[in-house]
């Protein structure tokens, strides 16, 4: 299995903060082997681990943006629990679409722009 963007992000942050795999694993309550598997994409990312990783790095003044999205992509799953039926249908439609790269980039830009509008 190839490295995932989630694994790359946490490995980079871990190295940038001078943390060892063992010390980070201990702080997160997992084994070093499990954390290594997460970093290298051999293990799925448990949902509860994402928040712990975020807190771990926030305590070290490192803010990792879209960890939930990176974890979903790494796990090859998109949780739809709690979404409205309309949102669920939209997710399913995207999953089955055959849009080309240019169209997907435009859709991503539109979603990013709409997130900026909601935060204002």
PDB file of N, CA and C in Angstrom:
ATOM      1  N   UNK A   1       0.843  -1.182   0.000  1.00  0.00           N
ATOM      2  CA  UNK A   1       0.000   0.000   0.000  1.00  0.00           C
ATOM      3  C   UNK A   1       0.892   1.251   0.000  1.00  0.00           C
ATOM      4  N   UNK A   2       0.471   2.254  -0.704  1.00  0.00           N
ATOM      5  CA  UNK A   2       1.263   3.486  -0.835  1.00  0.00           C
ATOM      6  C   UNK A   2       1.014   4.426   0.331  1.00  0.00           C
ATOM      7  N   UNK A   3       1.950   5.328   0.532  1.00  0.00           N
ATOM      8  CA  UNK A   3       1.775   6.365   1.544  1.00  0.00           C
ATOM      9  C   UNK A   3       0.521   7.165   1.226  1.00  0.00           C
ATOM     10  N   UNK A   4      -0.191   7.553   2.265  1.00  0.00           N
ATOM     11  CA  UNK A   4      -1.383   8.382   2.088  1.00  0.00           C
ATOM     12  C   UNK A   4      -1.041   9.816   2.455  1.00  0.00           C
ATOM     13  N   UNK A   5      -1.872  10.743   2.021  1.00  0.00           N
ATOM     14  CA  UNK A   5      -1.653  12.142   2.387  1.00  0.00           C
ATOM     15  C   UNK A   5      -1.824  12.339   3.895  1.00  0.00           C
ATOM     16  N   UNK A   6      -2.707  11.561   4.525  1.00  0.00           N
ATOM     17  CA  UNK A   6      -2.852  11.636   5.980  1.00  0.00           C
ATOM     18  C   UNK A   6      -1.540  11.214   6.639  1.00  0.00           C
ATOM     19  N   UNK A   7      -1.015  10.080   6.209  1.00  0.00           N
ATOM     20  CA  UNK A   7       0.237   9.586   6.767  1.00  0.00           C
ATOM     21  C   UNK A   7       1.390  10.547   6.545  1.00  0.00           C
ATOM     22  N   UNK A   8       1.451  11.118   5.355  1.00  0.00           N
ATOM     23  CA  UNK A   8       2.508  12.092   5.058  1.00  0.00           C
ATOM     24  C   UNK A   8       2.392  13.319   5.957  1.00  0.00           C
ATOM     25  N   UNK A   9       1.159  13.787   6.159  1.00  0.00           N
ATOM     26  CA  UNK A   9       0.940  14.995   6.963  1.00  0.00           C
ATOM     27  C   UNK A   9       1.371  14.779   8.407  1.00  0.00           C
ATOM     28  N   UNK A  10       0.974  13.644   8.981  1.00  0.00           N
ATOM     29  CA  UNK A  10       1.328  13.458  10.386  1.00  0.00           C
ATOM     30  C   UNK A  10       2.808  13.106  10.546  1.00  0.00           C
ATOM     31  N   UNK A  11       3.367  12.392   9.583  1.00  0.00           N
ATOM     32  CA  UNK A  11       4.797  12.080   9.667  1.00  0.00           C
ATOM     33  C   UNK A  11       5.621  13.361   9.586  1.00  0.00           C
ATOM     34  N   UNK A  12       5.257  14.237   8.645  1.00  0.00           N
ATOM     35  CA  UNK A  12       5.982  15.506   8.497  1.00  0.00           C
ATOM     36  C   UNK A  12       5.871  16.330   9.772  1.00  0.00           C
ATOM     37  N   UNK A  13       4.650  16.432  10.308  1.00  0.00           N
ATOM     38  CA  UNK A  13       4.455  17.209  11.538  1.00  0.00           C
ATOM     39  C   UNK A  13       5.237  16.589  12.693  1.00  0.00           C
ATOM     40  N   UNK A  14       5.254  15.264  12.766  1.00  0.00           N
ATOM     41  CA  UNK A  14       5.989  14.581  13.834  1.00  0.00           C
ATOM     42  C   UNK A  14       7.480  14.872  13.731  1.00  0.00           C
ATOM     43  N   UNK A  15       8.018  14.772  12.542  1.00  0.00           N
ATOM     44  CA  UNK A  15       9.439  15.028  12.337  1.00  0.00           C
ATOM     45  C   UNK A  15       9.761  16.501  12.564  1.00  0.00           C
ATOM     46  N   UNK A  16       8.903  17.385  12.061  1.00  0.00           N
ATOM     47  CA  UNK A  16       9.119  18.830  12.238  1.00  0.00           C
ATOM     48  C   UNK A  16       9.133  19.235  13.716  1.00  0.00           C
ATOM     49  N   UNK A  17       8.374  18.515  14.545  1.00  0.00           N
ATOM     50  CA  UNK A  17       8.335  18.841  15.967  1.00  0.00           C
ATOM     51  C   UNK A  17       9.375  18.058  16.767  1.00  0.00           C
ATOM     52  N   UNK A  18      10.148  17.234  16.081  1.00  0.00           N
ATOM     53  CA  UNK A  18      11.209  16.483  16.742  1.00  0.00           C
ATOM     54  C   UNK A  18      10.719  15.314  17.582  1.00  0.00           C
ATOM     55  N   UNK A  19       9.504  14.873  17.318  1.00  0.00           N
ATOM     56  CA  UNK A  19       8.943  13.751  18.075  1.00  0.00           C
ATOM     57  C   UNK A  19       9.336  12.427  17.430  1.00  0.00           C
ATOM     58  N   UNK A  20       9.550  11.418  18.258  1.00  0.00           N
ATOM     59  CA  UNK A  20       9.821  10.083  17.735  1.00  0.00           C
ATOM     60  C   UNK A  20       8.508   9.349  17.537  1.00  0.00           C
ATOM     61  N   UNK A  21       8.560   8.315  16.751  1.00  0.00           N
ATOM     62  CA  UNK A  21       7.380   7.485  16.542  1.00  0.00           C
ATOM     63  C   UNK A  21       6.910   6.913  17.880  1.00  0.00           C
ATOM     64  N   UNK A  22       7.844   6.463  18.691  1.00  0.00           N
ATOM     65  CA  UNK A  22       7.505   5.876  19.985  1.00  0.00           C
ATOM     66  C   UNK A  22       6.868   6.861  20.940  1.00  0.00           C
ATOM     67  N   UNK A  23       7.418   8.074  21.028  1.00  0.00           N
ATOM     68  CA  UNK A  23       6.861   9.053  21.973  1.00  0.00           C
ATOM     69  C   UNK A  23       5.473   9.505  21.533  1.00  0.00           C
ATOM     70  N   UNK A  24       5.277   9.682  20.241  1.00  0.00           N
ATOM     71  CA  UNK A  24       3.960  10.092  19.758  1.00  0.00           C
ATOM     72  C   UNK A  24       2.951   8.968  19.961  1.00  0.00           C
ATOM     73  N   UNK A  25       3.354   7.749  19.649  1.00  0.00           N
ATOM     74  CA  UNK A  25       2.458   6.604  19.823  1.00  0.00           C
ATOM     75  C   UNK A  25       2.025   6.481  21.279  1.00  0.00           C
ATOM     76  N   UNK A  26       2.971   6.614  22.191  1.00  0.00           N
ATOM     77  CA  UNK A  26       2.655   6.508  23.610  1.00  0.00           C
ATOM     78  C   UNK A  26       1.659   7.597  24.033  1.00  0.00           C
ATOM     79  N   UNK A  27       1.897   8.816  23.558  1.00  0.00           N
ATOM     80  CA  UNK A  27       0.999   9.925  23.907  1.00  0.00           C
ATOM     81  C   UNK A  27      -0.407   9.711  23.351  1.00  0.00           C
ATOM     82  N   UNK A  28      -0.511   9.046  22.204  1.00  0.00           N
ATOM     83  CA  UNK A  28      -1.811   8.799  21.579  1.00  0.00           C
ATOM     84  C   UNK A  28      -2.484   7.534  22.096  1.00  0.00           C
ATOM     85  N   UNK A  29      -1.737   6.736  22.859  1.00  0.00           N
ATOM     86  CA  UNK A  29      -2.310   5.500  23.387  1.00  0.00           C
ATOM     87  C   UNK A  29      -2.370   4.375  22.381  1.00  0.00           C
ATOM     88  N   UNK A  30      -1.442   4.376  21.418  1.00  0.00           N
ATOM     89  CA  UNK A  30      -1.353   3.303  20.423  1.00  0.00           C
ATOM     90  C   UNK A  30       0.077   2.774  20.422  1.00  0.00           C
ATOM     91  N   UNK A  31       0.300   1.677  19.733  1.00  0.00           N
ATOM     92  CA  UNK A  31       1.654   1.150  19.633  1.00  0.00           C
ATOM     93  C   UNK A  31       2.403   1.886  18.526  1.00  0.00           C
ATOM     94  N   UNK A  32       3.724   1.839  18.615  1.00  0.00           N
ATOM     95  CA  UNK A  32       4.555   2.438  17.569  1.00  0.00           C
ATOM     96  C   UNK A  32       4.317   1.727  16.242  1.00  0.00           C
ATOM     97  N   UNK A  33       4.117   0.421  16.284  1.00  0.00           N
ATOM     98  CA  UNK A  33       3.865  -0.339  15.054  1.00  0.00           C
ATOM     99  C   UNK A  33       2.558   0.114  14.405  1.00  0.00           C
ATOM    100  N   UNK A  34       1.524   0.343  15.224  1.00  0.00           N
ATOM    101  CA  UNK A  34       0.244   0.793  14.683  1.00  0.00           C
ATOM    102  C   UNK A  34       0.386   2.184  14.073  1.00  0.00           C
ATOM    103  N   UNK A  35       1.050   3.103  14.783  1.00  0.00           N
ATOM    104  CA  UNK A  35       1.237   4.450  14.260  1.00  0.00           C
ATOM    105  C   UNK A  35       2.056   4.417  12.973  1.00  0.00           C
ATOM    106  N   UNK A  36       3.062   3.575  12.923  1.00  0.00           N
ATOM    107  CA  UNK A  36       3.840   3.418  11.698  1.00  0.00           C
ATOM    108  C   UNK A  36       2.944   2.939  10.557  1.00  0.00           C
ATOM    109  N   UNK A  37       2.050   2.001  10.859  1.00  0.00           N
ATOM    110  CA  UNK A  37       1.105   1.514   9.850  1.00  0.00           C
ATOM    111  C   UNK A  37       0.186   2.607   9.342  1.00  0.00           C
ATOM    112  N   UNK A  38      -0.217   3.506  10.232  1.00  0.00           N
ATOM    113  CA  UNK A  38      -1.048   4.660   9.837  1.00  0.00           C
ATOM    114  C   UNK A  38      -0.236   5.567   8.920  1.00  0.00           C
ATOM    115  N   UNK A  39       0.999   5.869   9.334  1.00  0.00           N
ATOM    116  CA  UNK A  39       1.848   6.774   8.546  1.00  0.00           C
ATOM    117  C   UNK A  39       2.150   6.211   7.166  1.00  0.00           C
ATOM    118  N   UNK A  40       2.309   4.907   7.056  1.00  0.00           N
ATOM    119  CA  UNK A  40       2.674   4.306   5.773  1.00  0.00           C
ATOM    120  C   UNK A  40       1.479   3.826   4.959  1.00  0.00           C
ATOM    121  N   UNK A  41       0.277   3.973   5.505  1.00  0.00           N
ATOM    122  CA  UNK A  41      -0.923   3.601   4.767  1.00  0.00           C
ATOM    123  C   UNK A  41      -1.276   2.130   4.861  1.00  0.00           C
ATOM    124  N   UNK A  42      -0.606   1.384   5.741  1.00  0.00           N
ATOM    125  CA  UNK A  42      -0.914  -0.042   5.894  1.00  0.00           C
ATOM    126  C   UNK A  42      -2.101  -0.281   6.817  1.00  0.00           C
ATOM    127  N   UNK A  43      -2.422   0.717   7.652  1.00  0.00           N
ATOM    128  CA  UNK A  43      -3.536   0.597   8.596  1.00  0.00           C
ATOM    129  C   UNK A  43      -4.558   1.687   8.331  1.00  0.00           C
ATOM    130  N   UNK A  44      -5.813   1.362   8.572  1.00  0.00           N
ATOM    131  CA  UNK A  44      -6.873   2.373   8.467  1.00  0.00           C
ATOM    132  C   UNK A  44      -6.790   3.323   9.654  1.00  0.00           C
ATOM    133  N   UNK A  45      -7.277   4.527   9.444  1.00  0.00           N
ATOM    134  CA  UNK A  45      -7.230   5.559  10.471  1.00  0.00           C
ATOM    135  C   UNK A  45      -8.542   5.524  11.260  1.00  0.00           C
ATOM    136  N   UNK A  46      -8.504   5.121  12.532  1.00  0.00           N
ATOM    137  CA  UNK A  46      -9.733   5.134  13.326  1.00  0.00           C
ATOM    138  C   UNK A  46     -10.233   6.573  13.507  1.00  0.00           C
ATOM    139  N   UNK A  47     -11.535   6.747  13.459  1.00  0.00           N
ATOM    140  CA  UNK A  47     -12.122   8.093  13.552  1.00  0.00           C
ATOM    141  C   UNK A  47     -11.699   8.815  14.827  1.00  0.00           C
ATOM    142  N   UNK A  48     -11.633   8.096  15.943  1.00  0.00           N
ATOM    143  CA  UNK A  48     -11.275   8.748  17.200  1.00  0.00           C
ATOM    144  C   UNK A  48      -9.806   9.157  17.243  1.00  0.00           C
ATOM    145  N   UNK A  49      -8.981   8.554  16.423  1.00  0.00           N
ATOM    146  CA  UNK A  49      -7.563   8.898  16.410  1.00  0.00           C
ATOM    147  C   UNK A  49      -7.325  10.264  15.758  1.00  0.00           C
ATOM    148  N   UNK A  50      -8.158  10.631  14.823  1.00  0.00           N
ATOM    149  CA  UNK A  50      -7.979  11.900  14.112  1.00  0.00           C
ATOM    150  C   UNK A  50      -8.004  13.070  15.098  1.00  0.00           C
ATOM    151  N   UNK A  51      -8.973  13.083  15.982  1.00  0.00           N
ATOM    152  CA  UNK A  51      -9.064  14.157  16.983  1.00  0.00           C
ATOM    153  C   UNK A  51      -7.885  14.157  17.936  1.00  0.00           C
ATOM    154  N   UNK A  52      -7.441  12.969  18.316  1.00  0.00           N
ATOM    155  CA  UNK A  52      -6.288  12.885  19.223  1.00  0.00           C
ATOM    156  C   UNK A  52      -5.022  13.386  18.541  1.00  0.00           C
ATOM    157  N   UNK A  53      -4.868  13.063  17.261  1.00  0.00           N
ATOM    158  CA  UNK A  53      -3.704  13.545  16.504  1.00  0.00           C
ATOM    159  C   UNK A  53      -3.759  15.064  16.395  1.00  0.00           C
ATOM    160  N   UNK A  54      -4.944  15.595  16.091  1.00  0.00           N
ATOM    161  CA  UNK A  54      -5.108  17.051  15.980  1.00  0.00           C
ATOM    162  C   UNK A  54      -4.716  17.724  17.297  1.00  0.00           C
ATOM    163  N   UNK A  55      -5.220  17.205  18.420  1.00  0.00           N
ATOM    164  CA  UNK A  55      -4.900  17.768  19.733  1.00  0.00           C
ATOM    165  C   UNK A  55      -3.414  17.639  20.048  1.00  0.00           C
ATOM    166  N   UNK A  56      -2.848  16.512  19.728  1.00  0.00           N
ATOM    167  CA  UNK A  56      -1.429  16.257  19.974  1.00  0.00           C
ATOM    168  C   UNK A  56      -0.575  17.348  19.326  1.00  0.00           C
ATOM    169  N   UNK A  57      -0.873  17.634  18.063  1.00  0.00           N
ATOM    170  CA  UNK A  57      -0.075  18.651  17.369  1.00  0.00           C
ATOM    171  C   UNK A  57      -0.470  20.067  17.757  1.00  0.00           C
ATOM    172  N   UNK A  58      -1.727  20.295  18.081  1.00  0.00           N
ATOM    173  CA  UNK A  58      -2.149  21.631  18.529  1.00  0.00           C
ATOM    174  C   UNK A  58      -1.408  22.004  19.808  1.00  0.00           C
ATOM    175  N   UNK A  59      -1.177  21.026  20.675  1.00  0.00           N
ATOM    176  CA  UNK A  59      -0.415  21.275  21.905  1.00  0.00           C
ATOM    177  C   UNK A  59       1.042  21.617  21.617  1.00  0.00           C
ATOM    178  N   UNK A  60       1.471  21.359  20.393  1.00  0.00           N
ATOM    179  CA  UNK A  60       2.839  21.675  19.970  1.00  0.00           C
ATOM    180  C   UNK A  60       2.843  22.828  18.957  1.00  0.00           C
ATOM    181  N   UNK A  61       1.737  23.576  18.943  1.00  0.00           N
ATOM    182  CA  UNK A  61       1.560  24.748  18.070  1.00  0.00           C
ATOM    183  C   UNK A  61       1.636  24.418  16.582  1.00  0.00           C
ATOM    184  N   UNK A  62       1.221  23.216  16.229  1.00  0.00           N
ATOM    185  CA  UNK A  62       1.139  22.812  14.827  1.00  0.00           C
ATOM    186  C   UNK A  62      -0.326  22.549  14.523  1.00  0.00           C
ATOM    187  N   UNK A  63      -0.863  23.271  13.582  1.00  0.00           N
ATOM    188  CA  UNK A  63      -2.273  23.136  13.238  1.00  0.00           C
ATOM    189  C   UNK A  63      -2.391  22.462  11.877  1.00  0.00           C
ATOM    190  N   UNK A  64      -2.965  21.278  11.885  1.00  0.00           N
ATOM    191  CA  UNK A  64      -3.142  20.497  10.666  1.00  0.00           C
ATOM    192  C   UNK A  64      -4.569  20.691  10.187  1.00  0.00           C
ATOM    193  N   UNK A  65      -4.714  21.225   8.986  1.00  0.00           N
ATOM    194  CA  UNK A  65      -6.008  21.634   8.464  1.00  0.00           C
ATOM    195  C   UNK A  65      -7.060  20.564   8.300  1.00  0.00           C
ATOM    196  N   UNK A  66      -7.014  19.847   7.254  1.00  0.00           N
ATOM    197  CA  UNK A  66      -8.120  18.989   6.842  1.00  0.00           C
ATOM    198  C   UNK A  66      -7.873  17.514   7.174  1.00  0.00           C
ATOM    199  N   UNK A  67      -7.509  17.215   8.390  1.00  0.00           N
ATOM    200  CA  UNK A  67      -7.192  15.840   8.773  1.00  0.00           C
ATOM    201  C   UNK A  67      -8.363  14.883   8.561  1.00  0.00           C
ATOM    202  N   UNK A  68      -9.575  15.325   8.854  1.00  0.00           N
ATOM    203  CA  UNK A  68     -10.729  14.447   8.675  1.00  0.00           C
ATOM    204  C   UNK A  68     -10.873  14.029   7.215  1.00  0.00           C
ATOM    205  N   UNK A  69     -10.705  14.974   6.312  1.00  0.00           N
ATOM    206  CA  UNK A  69     -10.795  14.649   4.887  1.00  0.00           C
ATOM    207  C   UNK A  69      -9.657  13.732   4.460  1.00  0.00           C
ATOM    208  N   UNK A  70      -8.455  14.019   4.936  1.00  0.00           N
ATOM    209  CA  UNK A  70      -7.310  13.171   4.588  1.00  0.00           C
ATOM    210  C   UNK A  70      -7.502  11.754   5.112  1.00  0.00           C
ATOM    211  N   UNK A  71      -8.058  11.625   6.320  1.00  0.00           N
ATOM    212  CA  UNK A  71      -8.312  10.300   6.886  1.00  0.00           C
ATOM    213  C   UNK A  71      -9.365   9.558   6.072  1.00  0.00           C
ATOM    214  N   UNK A  72     -10.415  10.262   5.661  1.00  0.00           N
ATOM    215  CA  UNK A  72     -11.469   9.632   4.857  1.00  0.00           C
ATOM    216  C   UNK A  72     -10.899   9.107   3.540  1.00  0.00           C
ATOM    217  N   UNK A  73     -10.043   9.890   2.914  1.00  0.00           N
ATOM    218  CA  UNK A  73      -9.434   9.460   1.658  1.00  0.00           C
ATOM    219  C   UNK A  73      -8.496   8.282   1.915  1.00  0.00           C
ATOM    220  N   UNK A  74      -7.705   8.355   2.988  1.00  0.00           N
ATOM    221  CA  UNK A  74      -6.788   7.266   3.320  1.00  0.00           C
ATOM    222  C   UNK A  74      -7.555   5.968   3.568  1.00  0.00           C
ATOM    223  N   UNK A  75      -8.704   6.087   4.215  1.00  0.00           N
ATOM    224  CA  UNK A  75      -9.528   4.913   4.522  1.00  0.00           C
ATOM    225  C   UNK A  75     -10.400   4.487   3.352  1.00  0.00           C
ATOM    226  N   UNK A  76     -10.432   5.310   2.327  1.00  0.00           N
ATOM    227  CA  UNK A  76     -11.283   5.070   1.160  1.00  0.00           C
ATOM    228  C   UNK A  76     -12.744   4.950   1.558  1.00  0.00           C
ATOM    229  N   UNK A  77     -13.133   5.798   2.522  1.00  0.00           N
ATOM    230  CA  UNK A  77     -14.523   5.852   2.961  1.00  0.00           C
ATOM    231  C   UNK A  77     -14.915   7.306   3.195  1.00  0.00           C
ATOM    232  N   UNK A  78     -16.161   7.581   2.999  1.00  0.00           N
ATOM    233  CA  UNK A  78     -16.690   8.911   3.290  1.00  0.00           C
ATOM    234  C   UNK A  78     -17.885   8.723   4.211  1.00  0.00           C
ATOM    235  N   UNK A  79     -17.748   9.106   5.479  1.00  0.00           N
ATOM    236  CA  UNK A  79     -18.871   8.922   6.393  1.00  0.00           C
ATOM    237  C   UNK A  79     -20.036   9.839   6.012  1.00  0.00           C
ATOM    238  N   UNK A  80     -21.225   9.263   5.951  1.00  0.00           N
ATOM    239  CA  UNK A  80     -22.393  10.071   5.604  1.00  0.00           C
ATOM    240  C   UNK A  80     -23.389  10.144   6.759  1.00  0.00           C
ATOM    241  N   UNK A  81     -23.039   9.515   7.873  1.00  0.00           N
ATOM    242  CA  UNK A  81     -23.900   9.594   9.055  1.00  0.00           C
ATOM    243  C   UNK A  81     -24.090  11.047   9.445  1.00  0.00           C
ATOM    244  N   UNK A  82     -25.325  11.405   9.715  1.00  0.00           N
ATOM    245  CA  UNK A  82     -25.614  12.763  10.142  1.00  0.00           C
ATOM    246  C   UNK A  82     -25.852  13.739   9.006  1.00  0.00           C
ATOM    247  N   UNK A  83     -25.592  13.316   7.776  1.00  0.00           N
ATOM    248  CA  UNK A  83     -25.864  14.196   6.630  1.00  0.00           C
ATOM    249  C   UNK A  83     -27.335  14.093   6.249  1.00  0.00           C
ATOM    250  N   UNK A  84     -27.844  15.169   5.702  1.00  0.00           N
ATOM    251  CA  UNK A  84     -29.226  15.145   5.228  1.00  0.00           C
ATOM    252  C   UNK A  84     -29.326  14.190   4.036  1.00  0.00           C
ATOM    253  N   UNK A  85     -30.531  13.693   3.738  1.00  0.00           N
ATOM    254  CA  UNK A  85     -30.683  12.827   2.558  1.00  0.00           C
ATOM    255  C   UNK A  85     -30.182  13.501   1.272  1.00  0.00           C
ATOM    256  N   UNK A  86     -30.379  14.810   1.159  1.00  0.00           N
ATOM    257  CA  UNK A  86     -29.910  15.534  -0.025  1.00  0.00           C
ATOM    258  C   UNK A  86     -28.387  15.476  -0.120  1.00  0.00           C
ATOM    259  N   UNK A  87     -27.704  15.690   1.009  1.00  0.00           N
ATOM    260  CA  UNK A  87     -26.247  15.601   1.014  1.00  0.00           C
ATOM    261  C   UNK A  87     -25.784  14.178   0.694  1.00  0.00           C
ATOM    262  N   UNK A  88     -26.476  13.182   1.251  1.00  0.00           N
ATOM    263  CA  UNK A  88     -26.109  11.793   0.990  1.00  0.00           C
ATOM    264  C   UNK A  88     -26.231  11.460  -0.496  1.00  0.00           C
ATOM    265  N   UNK A  89     -27.299  11.938  -1.119  1.00  0.00           N
ATOM    266  CA  UNK A  89     -27.486  11.700  -2.553  1.00  0.00           C
ATOM    267  C   UNK A  89     -26.401  12.394  -3.369  1.00  0.00           C
ATOM    268  N   UNK A  90     -26.007  13.576  -2.938  1.00  0.00           N
ATOM    269  CA  UNK A  90     -24.957  14.310  -3.634  1.00  0.00           C
ATOM    270  C   UNK A  90     -23.623  13.564  -3.543  1.00  0.00           C
ATOM    271  N   UNK A  91     -23.304  13.051  -2.350  1.00  0.00           N
ATOM    272  CA  UNK A  91     -22.078  12.282  -2.165  1.00  0.00           C
ATOM    273  C   UNK A  91     -22.095  11.050  -3.067  1.00  0.00           C
ATOM    274  N   UNK A  92     -23.217  10.344  -3.077  1.00  0.00           N
ATOM    275  CA  UNK A  92     -23.334   9.150  -3.918  1.00  0.00           C
ATOM    276  C   UNK A  92     -23.203   9.510  -5.399  1.00  0.00           C
ATOM    277  N   UNK A  93     -23.788  10.630  -5.791  1.00  0.00           N
ATOM    278  CA  UNK A  93     -23.680  11.063  -7.190  1.00  0.00           C
ATOM    279  C   UNK A  93     -22.248  11.360  -7.588  1.00  0.00           C
ATOM    280  N   UNK A  94     -21.510  12.033  -6.720  1.00  0.00           N
ATOM    281  CA  UNK A  94     -20.103  12.311  -7.013  1.00  0.00           C
ATOM    282  C   UNK A  94     -19.305  11.023  -7.100  1.00  0.00           C
ATOM    283  N   UNK A  95     -19.591  10.095  -6.201  1.00  0.00           N
ATOM    284  CA  UNK A  95     -18.843   8.844  -6.172  1.00  0.00           C
ATOM    285  C   UNK A  95     -19.020   8.054  -7.470  1.00  0.00           C
ATOM    286  N   UNK A  96     -20.182   8.183  -8.062  1.00  0.00           N
ATOM    287  CA  UNK A  96     -20.461   7.420  -9.285  1.00  0.00           C
ATOM    288  C   UNK A  96     -20.227   8.217 -10.567  1.00  0.00           C
ATOM    289  N   UNK A  97     -19.855   9.478 -10.435  1.00  0.00           N
ATOM    290  CA  UNK A  97     -19.697  10.316 -11.619  1.00  0.00           C
ATOM    291  C   UNK A  97     -18.417   9.974 -12.373  1.00  0.00           C
ATOM    292  N   UNK A  98     -18.411  10.361 -13.612  1.00  0.00           N
ATOM    293  CA  UNK A  98     -17.209  10.155 -14.431  1.00  0.00           C
ATOM    294  C   UNK A  98     -16.704  11.504 -14.937  1.00  0.00           C
ATOM    295  N   UNK A  99     -16.662  12.485 -14.036  1.00  0.00           N
ATOM    296  CA  UNK A  99     -16.196  13.825 -14.400  1.00  0.00           C
ATOM    297  C   UNK A  99     -14.709  13.797 -14.710  1.00  0.00           C
ATOM    298  N   UNK A 100     -14.328  14.620 -15.671  1.00  0.00           N
ATOM    299  CA  UNK A 100     -12.904  14.719 -15.991  1.00  0.00           C
ATOM    300  C   UNK A 100     -12.201  15.590 -14.943  1.00  0.00           C
ATOM    301  N   UNK A 101     -10.880  15.592 -14.978  1.00  0.00           N
ATOM    302  CA  UNK A 101     -10.078  16.299 -13.967  1.00  0.00           C
ATOM    303  C   UNK A 101     -10.405  17.790 -13.925  1.00  0.00           C
ATOM    304  N   UNK A 102     -10.613  18.405 -15.083  1.00  0.00           N
ATOM    305  CA  UNK A 102     -10.905  19.844 -15.129  1.00  0.00           C
ATOM    306  C   UNK A 102     -12.228  20.160 -14.420  1.00  0.00           C
ATOM    307  N   UNK A 103     -13.247  19.348 -14.669  1.00  0.00           N
ATOM    308  CA  UNK A 103     -14.543  19.559 -14.037  1.00  0.00           C
ATOM    309  C   UNK A 103     -14.446  19.349 -12.526  1.00  0.00           C
ATOM    310  N   UNK A 104     -13.702  18.330 -12.109  1.00  0.00           N
ATOM    311  CA  UNK A 104     -13.520  18.089 -10.680  1.00  0.00           C
ATOM    312  C   UNK A 104     -12.805  19.254 -10.001  1.00  0.00           C
ATOM    313  N   UNK A 105     -11.820  19.829 -10.669  1.00  0.00           N
ATOM    314  CA  UNK A 105     -11.118  20.991 -10.113  1.00  0.00           C
ATOM    315  C   UNK A 105     -12.067  22.171  -9.950  1.00  0.00           C
ATOM    316  N   UNK A 106     -12.943  22.375 -10.932  1.00  0.00           N
ATOM    317  CA  UNK A 106     -13.919  23.456 -10.842  1.00  0.00           C
ATOM    318  C   UNK A 106     -14.892  23.221  -9.685  1.00  0.00           C
ATOM    319  N   UNK A 107     -15.320  21.967  -9.520  1.00  0.00           N
ATOM    320  CA  UNK A 107     -16.229  21.639  -8.421  1.00  0.00           C
ATOM    321  C   UNK A 107     -15.534  21.859  -7.075  1.00  0.00           C
ATOM    322  N   UNK A 108     -14.269  21.481  -6.969  1.00  0.00           N
ATOM    323  CA  UNK A 108     -13.512  21.678  -5.731  1.00  0.00           C
ATOM    324  C   UNK A 108     -13.382  23.167  -5.423  1.00  0.00           C
ATOM    325  N   UNK A 109     -13.138  23.970  -6.436  1.00  0.00           N
ATOM    326  CA  UNK A 109     -13.030  25.418  -6.238  1.00  0.00           C
ATOM    327  C   UNK A 109     -14.371  25.994  -5.781  1.00  0.00           C
ATOM    328  N   UNK A 110     -15.450  25.514  -6.361  1.00  0.00           N
ATOM    329  CA  UNK A 110     -16.787  25.964  -5.962  1.00  0.00           C
ATOM    330  C   UNK A 110     -17.069  25.603  -4.503  1.00  0.00           C
ATOM    331  N   UNK A 111     -16.721  24.381  -4.099  1.00  0.00           N
ATOM    332  CA  UNK A 111     -16.920  23.969  -2.707  1.00  0.00           C
ATOM    333  C   UNK A 111     -16.071  24.807  -1.760  1.00  0.00           C
ATOM    334  N   UNK A 112     -14.832  25.067  -2.136  1.00  0.00           N
ATOM    335  CA  UNK A 112     -13.957  25.895  -1.300  1.00  0.00           C
ATOM    336  C   UNK A 112     -14.517  27.300  -1.153  1.00  0.00           C
ATOM    337  N   UNK A 113     -15.014  27.859  -2.246  1.00  0.00           N
ATOM    338  CA  UNK A 113     -15.589  29.201  -2.209  1.00  0.00           C
ATOM    339  C   UNK A 113     -16.829  29.225  -1.322  1.00  0.00           C
ATOM    340  N   UNK A 114     -17.631  28.178  -1.374  1.00  0.00           N
ATOM    341  CA  UNK A 114     -18.846  28.143  -0.544  1.00  0.00           C
ATOM    342  C   UNK A 114     -18.484  27.999   0.920  1.00  0.00           C
ATOM    343  N   UNK A 115     -17.405  27.318   1.268  1.00  0.00           N
ATOM    344  CA  UNK A 115     -16.958  27.206   2.662  1.00  0.00           C
ATOM    345  C   UNK A 115     -16.541  28.579   3.176  1.00  0.00           C
ATOM    346  N   UNK A 116     -15.877  29.354   2.339  1.00  0.00           N
ATOM    347  CA  UNK A 116     -15.462  30.707   2.729  1.00  0.00           C
ATOM    348  C   UNK A 116     -16.651  31.600   3.002  1.00  0.00           C
ATOM    349  N   UNK A 117     -17.709  31.438   2.243  1.00  0.00           N
ATOM    350  CA  UNK A 117     -18.919  32.237   2.422  1.00  0.00           C
ATOM    351  C   UNK A 117     -19.593  31.875   3.734  1.00  0.00           C
ATOM    352  N   UNK A 118     -19.651  30.576   4.077  1.00  0.00           N
ATOM    353  CA  UNK A 118     -20.303  30.145   5.321  1.00  0.00           C
ATOM    354  C   UNK A 118     -19.567  30.633   6.556  1.00  0.00           C
ATOM    355  N   UNK A 119     -18.248  30.779   6.485  1.00  0.00           N
ATOM    356  CA  UNK A 119     -17.457  31.165   7.651  1.00  0.00           C
ATOM    357  C   UNK A 119     -17.521  32.649   7.950  1.00  0.00           C
ATOM    358  N   UNK A 120     -17.952  33.454   7.006  1.00  0.00           N
ATOM    359  CA  UNK A 120     -17.989  34.917   7.206  1.00  0.00           C
ATOM    360  C   UNK A 120     -19.105  35.335   8.098  1.00  0.00           C
TER     361      UNK A 120
END
